[in-house]
């Protein structure tokens, strides 16, 4: 495999250390004085693949992205484990998406570990492991904290048949935006590389999704809200429009907006209500926006979207008349 290194990797990666069991082989177990009997009989040892174990009572501080959760650590552990036996493997498909921190729909329950091998003749059979064979450009990868992942274009190509159009847009928004450790790639480079891949299942769908990708998107909820608006015959809103505040001498960037009508729209996650600091900041942002003649509409997970649509249409009509 050929590493693309810093050509693809984000230069603004925030790294922290989190505790996780470090996988080891049977030979390494023997070197540590752990008997074959102990590996099979003691509950502290868990076999994650044939020939690979972890000791749940012995944790190592591993470098991880700041946003890494339990699911990310588990995926990292399994990938690190299989690479103890096959060091040339790179994370692929759903496994690579999870390690990149890209959004996947909650209905995907597949927890197999997907890997790409650079060797055509290599045969690796392990329960829970799915191995893909190389094609042209399939032997390139990106290093993410010393763990190889297939490139974003190959990942998008492999996930296109699995995701809906809007889900694919959300994933590409994240890959080219500021979510997780991104941006990993520019929209233009992603589109160019997808066109150059020799085989992309549902290539037309991938191109359609990429035409809907926008820069600087900060969450899947922002993507969902933007696409919901266009799917319901609203004009496409601007992502993070700039609003200059004369009062505080700052520039505000609501999630979405219609600058010509001075309408801002934001998705309000649970943290907006649970964090007193965030709640106070939200109040101040609204005050500053209103002082500049903007009106702010908020959407939450359980919002009545029909009611929201009626309110937005009324507000847009009202503001068009006033202009």
Protein backbone atom coordinates (compact mmCIF):
# COMPACT_ATOMS: atom_id res chain seq x y z
CA UNK A 1 0.00 0.00 0.00
CA UNK A 2 1.04 3.60 -0.59
CA UNK A 3 0.40 6.17 2.12
CA UNK A 4 -0.90 9.59 1.14
CA UNK A 5 0.00 10.95 4.58
CA UNK A 6 -0.39 14.68 5.07
CA UNK A 7 -1.76 15.16 1.55
CA UNK A 8 -5.10 14.03 2.89
CA UNK A 9 -4.89 14.24 6.64
CA UNK A 10 -6.41 17.14 8.54
CA UNK A 11 -3.80 19.51 9.93
CA UNK A 12 -6.05 20.59 12.81
CA UNK A 13 -6.52 17.28 14.54
CA UNK A 14 -7.13 17.52 18.30
CA UNK A 15 -5.64 14.46 19.97
CA UNK A 16 -6.28 13.22 23.50
CA UNK A 17 -5.35 9.99 25.29
CA UNK A 18 -8.07 7.54 26.29
CA UNK A 19 -7.78 4.16 28.01
CA UNK A 20 -8.41 1.05 25.94
CA UNK A 21 -7.26 -2.61 26.07
CA UNK A 22 -4.35 -3.19 23.71
CA UNK A 23 -4.75 -6.37 21.57
CA UNK A 24 -2.04 -9.05 21.64
CA UNK A 25 -1.27 -12.36 19.95
CA UNK A 26 -0.87 -15.79 21.53
CA UNK A 27 2.91 -15.52 21.15
CA UNK A 28 2.89 -12.16 22.93
CA UNK A 29 0.73 -13.67 25.66
CA UNK A 30 3.31 -16.38 26.25
CA UNK A 31 6.04 -13.75 26.48
CA UNK A 32 4.02 -12.03 29.21
CA UNK A 33 3.66 -15.28 31.10
CA UNK A 34 -0.01 -15.73 30.25
CA UNK A 35 -0.77 -19.41 29.72
CA UNK A 36 -3.08 -20.83 27.03
CA UNK A 37 -5.29 -22.07 29.88
CA UNK A 38 -5.61 -18.54 31.31
CA UNK A 39 -6.56 -17.14 27.91
CA UNK A 40 -9.47 -19.54 27.59
CA UNK A 41 -10.60 -19.78 31.21
CA UNK A 42 -10.14 -16.33 32.76
CA UNK A 43 -12.95 -13.82 32.15
CA UNK A 44 -10.51 -10.91 31.98
CA UNK A 45 -9.19 -12.18 28.62
CA UNK A 46 -11.49 -11.75 25.62
CA UNK A 47 -10.75 -13.16 22.18
CA UNK A 48 -11.69 -10.51 19.60
CA UNK A 49 -10.42 -12.52 16.61
CA UNK A 50 -8.98 -16.01 16.32
CA UNK A 51 -5.43 -15.60 17.61
CA UNK A 52 -6.01 -12.12 19.08
CA UNK A 53 -6.99 -11.26 22.68
CA UNK A 54 -7.39 -8.25 24.93
CA UNK A 55 -6.92 -8.06 28.67
CA UNK A 56 -9.86 -6.07 30.07
CA UNK A 57 -7.95 -5.40 33.29
CA UNK A 58 -4.91 -3.93 31.54
CA UNK A 59 -5.60 -0.63 29.80
CA UNK A 60 -3.28 1.50 27.68
CA UNK A 61 -3.55 5.23 27.04
CA UNK A 62 -3.97 5.43 23.28
CA UNK A 63 -3.96 8.61 21.17
CA UNK A 64 -7.48 9.24 19.92
CA UNK A 65 -9.42 12.11 18.32
CA UNK A 66 -10.92 14.42 20.92
CA UNK A 67 -14.43 13.47 19.81
CA UNK A 68 -13.85 9.69 20.02
CA UNK A 69 -16.59 7.80 21.89
CA UNK A 70 -16.91 4.21 23.13
CA UNK A 71 -17.90 2.98 19.67
CA UNK A 72 -14.82 4.59 18.12
CA UNK A 73 -12.53 3.03 20.75
CA UNK A 74 -14.05 -0.40 20.17
CA UNK A 75 -13.58 -0.09 16.41
CA UNK A 76 -9.98 1.09 16.94
CA UNK A 77 -9.33 -1.91 19.20
CA UNK A 78 -10.61 -4.42 16.63
CA UNK A 79 -8.67 -2.80 13.78
CA UNK A 80 -5.50 -2.67 15.87
CA UNK A 81 -6.05 -6.32 16.77
CA UNK A 82 -6.40 -7.72 13.26
CA UNK A 83 -3.38 -5.69 12.16
CA UNK A 84 -1.31 -7.54 14.78
CA UNK A 85 -1.64 -10.54 12.44
CA UNK A 86 -1.90 -8.69 9.11
CA UNK A 87 -0.13 -5.30 9.34
CA UNK A 88 -0.88 -4.30 5.73
CA UNK A 89 -4.66 -4.15 6.19
CA UNK A 90 -6.45 -0.80 6.08
CA UNK A 91 -9.89 0.05 7.46
CA UNK A 92 -12.55 0.08 4.75
CA UNK A 93 -16.28 0.73 4.24
CA UNK A 94 -18.32 1.17 7.49
CA UNK A 95 -15.25 0.66 9.67
CA UNK A 96 -13.36 3.46 7.93
CA UNK A 97 -16.40 5.76 8.14
CA UNK A 98 -16.60 5.23 11.91
CA UNK A 99 -12.89 5.86 12.40
CA UNK A 100 -13.03 9.03 10.31
CA UNK A 101 -15.96 10.14 12.51
CA UNK A 102 -18.35 10.46 9.57
CA UNK A 103 -22.10 10.22 10.26
CA UNK A 104 -23.90 6.96 9.52
CA UNK A 105 -27.65 6.39 9.86
CA UNK A 106 -28.70 4.83 13.16
CA UNK A 107 -30.51 1.97 11.43
CA UNK A 108 -27.19 0.49 10.27
CA UNK A 109 -26.48 -2.19 12.87
CA UNK A 110 -23.66 -3.94 11.01
CA UNK A 111 -20.67 -4.18 13.38
CA UNK A 112 -18.41 -6.32 11.18
CA UNK A 113 -14.87 -5.03 10.73
CA UNK A 114 -14.27 -4.09 7.09
CA UNK A 115 -10.71 -4.10 5.79
CA UNK A 116 -8.92 -3.67 2.46
CA UNK A 117 -5.94 -5.80 1.57
CA UNK A 118 -3.23 -4.70 -0.90
CA UNK A 119 -2.54 -8.31 -1.93
CA UNK A 120 -4.81 -9.93 -4.49
CA UNK A 121 -4.00 -13.47 -3.49
CA UNK A 122 -4.30 -12.96 0.26
CA UNK A 123 -6.99 -15.06 1.95
CA UNK A 124 -8.02 -14.01 5.45
CA UNK A 125 -10.99 -15.67 7.08
CA UNK A 126 -12.15 -14.58 10.51
CA UNK A 127 -15.71 -14.38 11.84
CA UNK A 128 -16.76 -10.74 11.94
CA UNK A 129 -14.13 -9.69 9.38
CA UNK A 130 -15.00 -8.62 5.80
CA UNK A 131 -12.03 -8.35 3.42
CA UNK A 132 -12.15 -6.47 0.10
CA UNK A 133 -9.73 -7.02 -2.76
CA UNK A 134 -7.73 -4.20 -4.34
CA UNK A 135 -8.52 -2.37 -7.56
CA UNK A 136 -6.73 0.58 -9.11
CA UNK A 137 -6.34 3.35 -6.49
CA UNK A 138 -7.41 0.88 -3.79
CA UNK A 139 -3.90 0.55 -2.44
CA UNK A 140 -3.77 4.17 -1.29
CA UNK A 141 -4.73 5.09 2.24
CA UNK A 142 -4.65 7.90 4.75
CA UNK A 143 -2.90 7.66 8.11
CA UNK A 144 -5.18 8.63 10.98
CA UNK A 145 -3.27 8.37 14.28
CA UNK A 146 -1.03 5.63 12.89
CA UNK A 147 -4.02 3.64 11.64
CA UNK A 148 -4.45 3.28 7.84
CA UNK A 149 -7.87 4.04 6.35
CA UNK A 150 -8.96 3.87 2.71
CA UNK A 151 -9.26 7.28 1.08
CA UNK A 152 -12.44 9.34 1.26
CA UNK A 153 -13.22 8.89 -2.48
CA UNK A 154 -13.02 5.11 -2.21
CA UNK A 155 -15.09 5.22 0.98
CA UNK A 156 -17.79 7.32 -0.70
CA UNK A 157 -17.83 4.94 -3.67
CA UNK A 158 -18.29 1.89 -1.44
CA UNK A 159 -21.03 3.47 0.70
CA UNK A 160 -23.09 4.99 -2.12
CA UNK A 161 -25.30 1.88 -2.63
CA UNK A 162 -25.86 1.55 1.13
CA UNK A 163 -26.96 5.12 1.92
CA UNK A 164 -29.90 7.21 0.79
CA UNK A 165 -29.12 10.34 -1.23
CA UNK A 166 -29.54 12.63 1.79
CA UNK A 167 -27.50 10.31 4.03
CA UNK A 168 -24.72 10.35 1.44
CA UNK A 169 -24.82 14.17 1.32
CA UNK A 170 -24.52 14.26 5.13
CA UNK A 171 -21.48 11.97 5.03
CA UNK A 172 -19.78 14.06 2.30
CA UNK A 173 -20.66 17.31 4.10
CA UNK A 174 -18.80 15.91 7.12
CA UNK A 175 -15.80 14.71 5.10
CA UNK A 176 -15.35 18.10 3.44
CA UNK A 177 -16.45 20.21 6.42
CA UNK A 178 -15.41 20.89 10.00
CA UNK A 179 -16.98 17.88 11.67
CA UNK A 180 -14.86 15.27 13.46
CA UNK A 181 -11.23 15.90 12.40
CA UNK A 182 -12.05 17.32 8.98
CA UNK A 183 -11.90 18.68 6.47
CA UNK A 184 -10.30 15.56 5.04
CA UNK A 185 -10.66 16.62 1.40
CA UNK A 186 -12.06 19.47 -0.68
CA UNK A 187 -15.36 19.11 -2.50
CA UNK A 188 -13.61 19.69 -5.82
CA UNK A 189 -10.97 17.02 -5.16
CA UNK A 190 -13.59 14.53 -4.00
CA UNK A 191 -15.66 15.04 -7.15
CA UNK A 192 -12.58 14.76 -9.37
CA UNK A 193 -11.37 11.57 -7.69
CA UNK A 194 -14.82 9.96 -7.81
CA UNK A 195 -14.89 10.63 -11.56
CA UNK A 196 -11.44 9.03 -11.91
CA UNK A 197 -12.28 5.85 -10.01
CA UNK A 198 -12.73 3.02 -12.54
CA UNK A 199 -15.70 1.46 -10.77
CA UNK A 200 -18.25 3.33 -8.67
CA UNK A 201 -21.55 1.54 -8.04
CA UNK A 202 -24.40 4.00 -8.67
CA UNK A 203 -21.98 6.66 -9.92
CA UNK A 204 -24.86 8.93 -10.96
CA UNK A 205 -26.19 8.92 -7.40
CA UNK A 206 -22.72 9.76 -6.05
CA UNK A 207 -22.40 12.71 -8.45
CA UNK A 208 -25.89 13.94 -7.51
CA UNK A 209 -24.97 13.80 -3.82
CA UNK A 210 -21.71 15.67 -4.39
CA UNK A 211 -23.58 18.42 -6.23
CA UNK A 212 -25.56 18.97 -3.02
CA UNK A 213 -22.53 19.11 -0.71
CA UNK A 214 -21.73 22.49 0.84
CA UNK A 215 -18.58 23.67 2.67
CA UNK A 216 -18.22 24.45 6.41
CA UNK A 217 -21.23 22.34 7.53
CA UNK A 218 -20.73 21.52 11.20
CA UNK A 219 -23.24 18.73 11.92
CA UNK A 220 -25.46 16.11 10.25
CA UNK A 221 -28.45 18.02 11.66
CA UNK A 222 -27.43 21.09 9.66
CA UNK A 223 -27.32 18.94 6.53
CA UNK A 224 -30.70 17.41 7.30
CA UNK A 225 -32.30 20.82 7.87
CA UNK A 226 -30.83 22.32 4.69
CA UNK A 227 -32.03 19.38 2.59
CA UNK A 228 -35.42 19.38 4.31
CA UNK A 229 -35.91 22.99 3.25
CA UNK A 230 -35.05 22.36 -0.40
CA UNK A 231 -37.08 19.11 -0.44
CA UNK A 232 -40.10 21.15 0.71
CA UNK A 233 -39.78 23.75 -2.04
CA UNK A 234 -38.01 26.43 -0.05
CA UNK A 235 -35.05 28.22 -1.66
CA UNK A 236 -31.71 26.77 -0.65
CA UNK A 237 -30.47 28.64 2.43
CA UNK A 238 -26.93 29.93 2.82
CA UNK A 239 -24.73 27.87 5.15
CA UNK A 240 -23.42 30.02 8.01
CA UNK A 241 -24.27 33.46 6.58
CA UNK A 242 -22.20 36.28 8.06
CA UNK A 243 -24.11 38.75 10.24
CA UNK A 244 -22.08 41.71 11.52
CA UNK A 245 -23.09 42.82 15.02
CA UNK A 246 -22.57 46.54 15.63
CA UNK A 247 -23.32 46.13 19.34
CA UNK A 248 -20.64 43.55 20.17
CA UNK A 249 -18.34 44.22 17.23
CA UNK A 250 -18.39 40.57 16.16
CA UNK A 251 -19.59 38.45 13.25
CA UNK A 252 -22.34 35.91 13.91
CA UNK A 253 -22.79 32.78 11.80
CA UNK A 254 -26.18 31.09 12.28
CA UNK A 255 -26.50 27.55 10.93
CA UNK A 256 -28.54 28.57 7.89
CA UNK A 257 -30.08 31.75 6.62
CA UNK A 258 -31.66 33.87 3.93
CA UNK A 259 -29.53 37.06 4.09
CA UNK A 260 -31.70 39.03 1.67
CA UNK A 261 -34.68 38.53 4.01
CA UNK A 262 -32.66 38.55 7.25
CA UNK A 263 -34.04 35.19 8.34
CA UNK A 264 -31.77 32.85 10.31
CA UNK A 265 -32.54 29.18 11.05
CA UNK A 266 -30.72 27.01 13.57
CA UNK A 267 -30.94 23.40 14.66
CA UNK A 268 -31.10 23.19 18.44
CA UNK A 269 -29.56 20.02 19.87
CA UNK A 270 -30.09 18.71 23.39
CA UNK A 271 -26.90 20.40 24.62
CA UNK A 272 -28.49 23.80 23.98
CA UNK A 273 -30.94 23.09 26.81
CA UNK A 274 -28.75 21.04 29.13
CA UNK A 275 -25.80 23.47 29.23
CA UNK A 276 -26.44 26.72 31.16
CA UNK A 277 -23.51 28.38 29.39
CA UNK A 278 -24.80 27.37 25.96
CA UNK A 279 -28.31 28.50 26.89
CA UNK A 280 -27.04 31.95 27.92
CA UNK A 281 -24.99 32.19 24.72
CA UNK A 282 -28.05 31.30 22.64
CA UNK A 283 -30.05 34.11 24.26
CA UNK A 284 -27.29 36.61 23.55
CA UNK A 285 -26.99 35.45 19.92
CA UNK A 286 -30.71 35.94 19.41
CA UNK A 287 -30.54 39.43 20.90
CA UNK A 288 -27.65 40.41 18.63
CA UNK A 289 -29.34 39.00 15.53
CA UNK A 290 -32.60 40.79 16.31
CA UNK A 291 -30.69 44.04 16.88
CA UNK A 292 -29.48 43.77 13.25
CA UNK A 293 -33.03 43.23 12.00
CA UNK A 294 -32.81 39.45 11.69
CA UNK A 295 -35.38 36.98 12.97
CA UNK A 296 -34.19 33.60 14.29
CA UNK A 297 -36.19 30.39 13.90
CA UNK A 298 -35.14 27.27 15.78
CA UNK A 299 -35.73 23.63 14.91
CA UNK A 300 -35.29 20.76 17.37
CA UNK A 301 -35.52 16.99 17.12
CA UNK A 302 -39.21 16.92 18.03
CA UNK A 303 -40.28 20.08 16.23
CA UNK A 304 -43.58 20.10 14.35
CA UNK A 305 -42.10 20.62 10.90
CA UNK A 306 -45.48 21.36 9.28
CA UNK A 307 -45.96 24.22 11.73
CA UNK A 308 -42.39 25.37 11.12
CA UNK A 309 -42.96 25.38 7.35
CA UNK A 310 -46.12 27.47 7.67
CA UNK A 311 -44.36 29.97 9.91
CA UNK A 312 -41.36 30.23 7.60
CA UNK A 313 -43.53 30.72 4.49
CA UNK A 314 -45.54 33.43 6.25
CA UNK A 315 -42.36 35.15 7.44
CA UNK A 316 -40.75 35.02 3.98
CA UNK A 317 -43.86 36.45 2.33
CA UNK A 318 -44.09 39.19 4.94
CA UNK A 319 -40.45 40.18 4.55
CA UNK A 320 -40.58 40.13 0.76
CA UNK A 321 -43.48 42.58 0.88
CA UNK A 322 -41.58 44.89 3.22
CA UNK A 323 -38.66 44.94 0.79
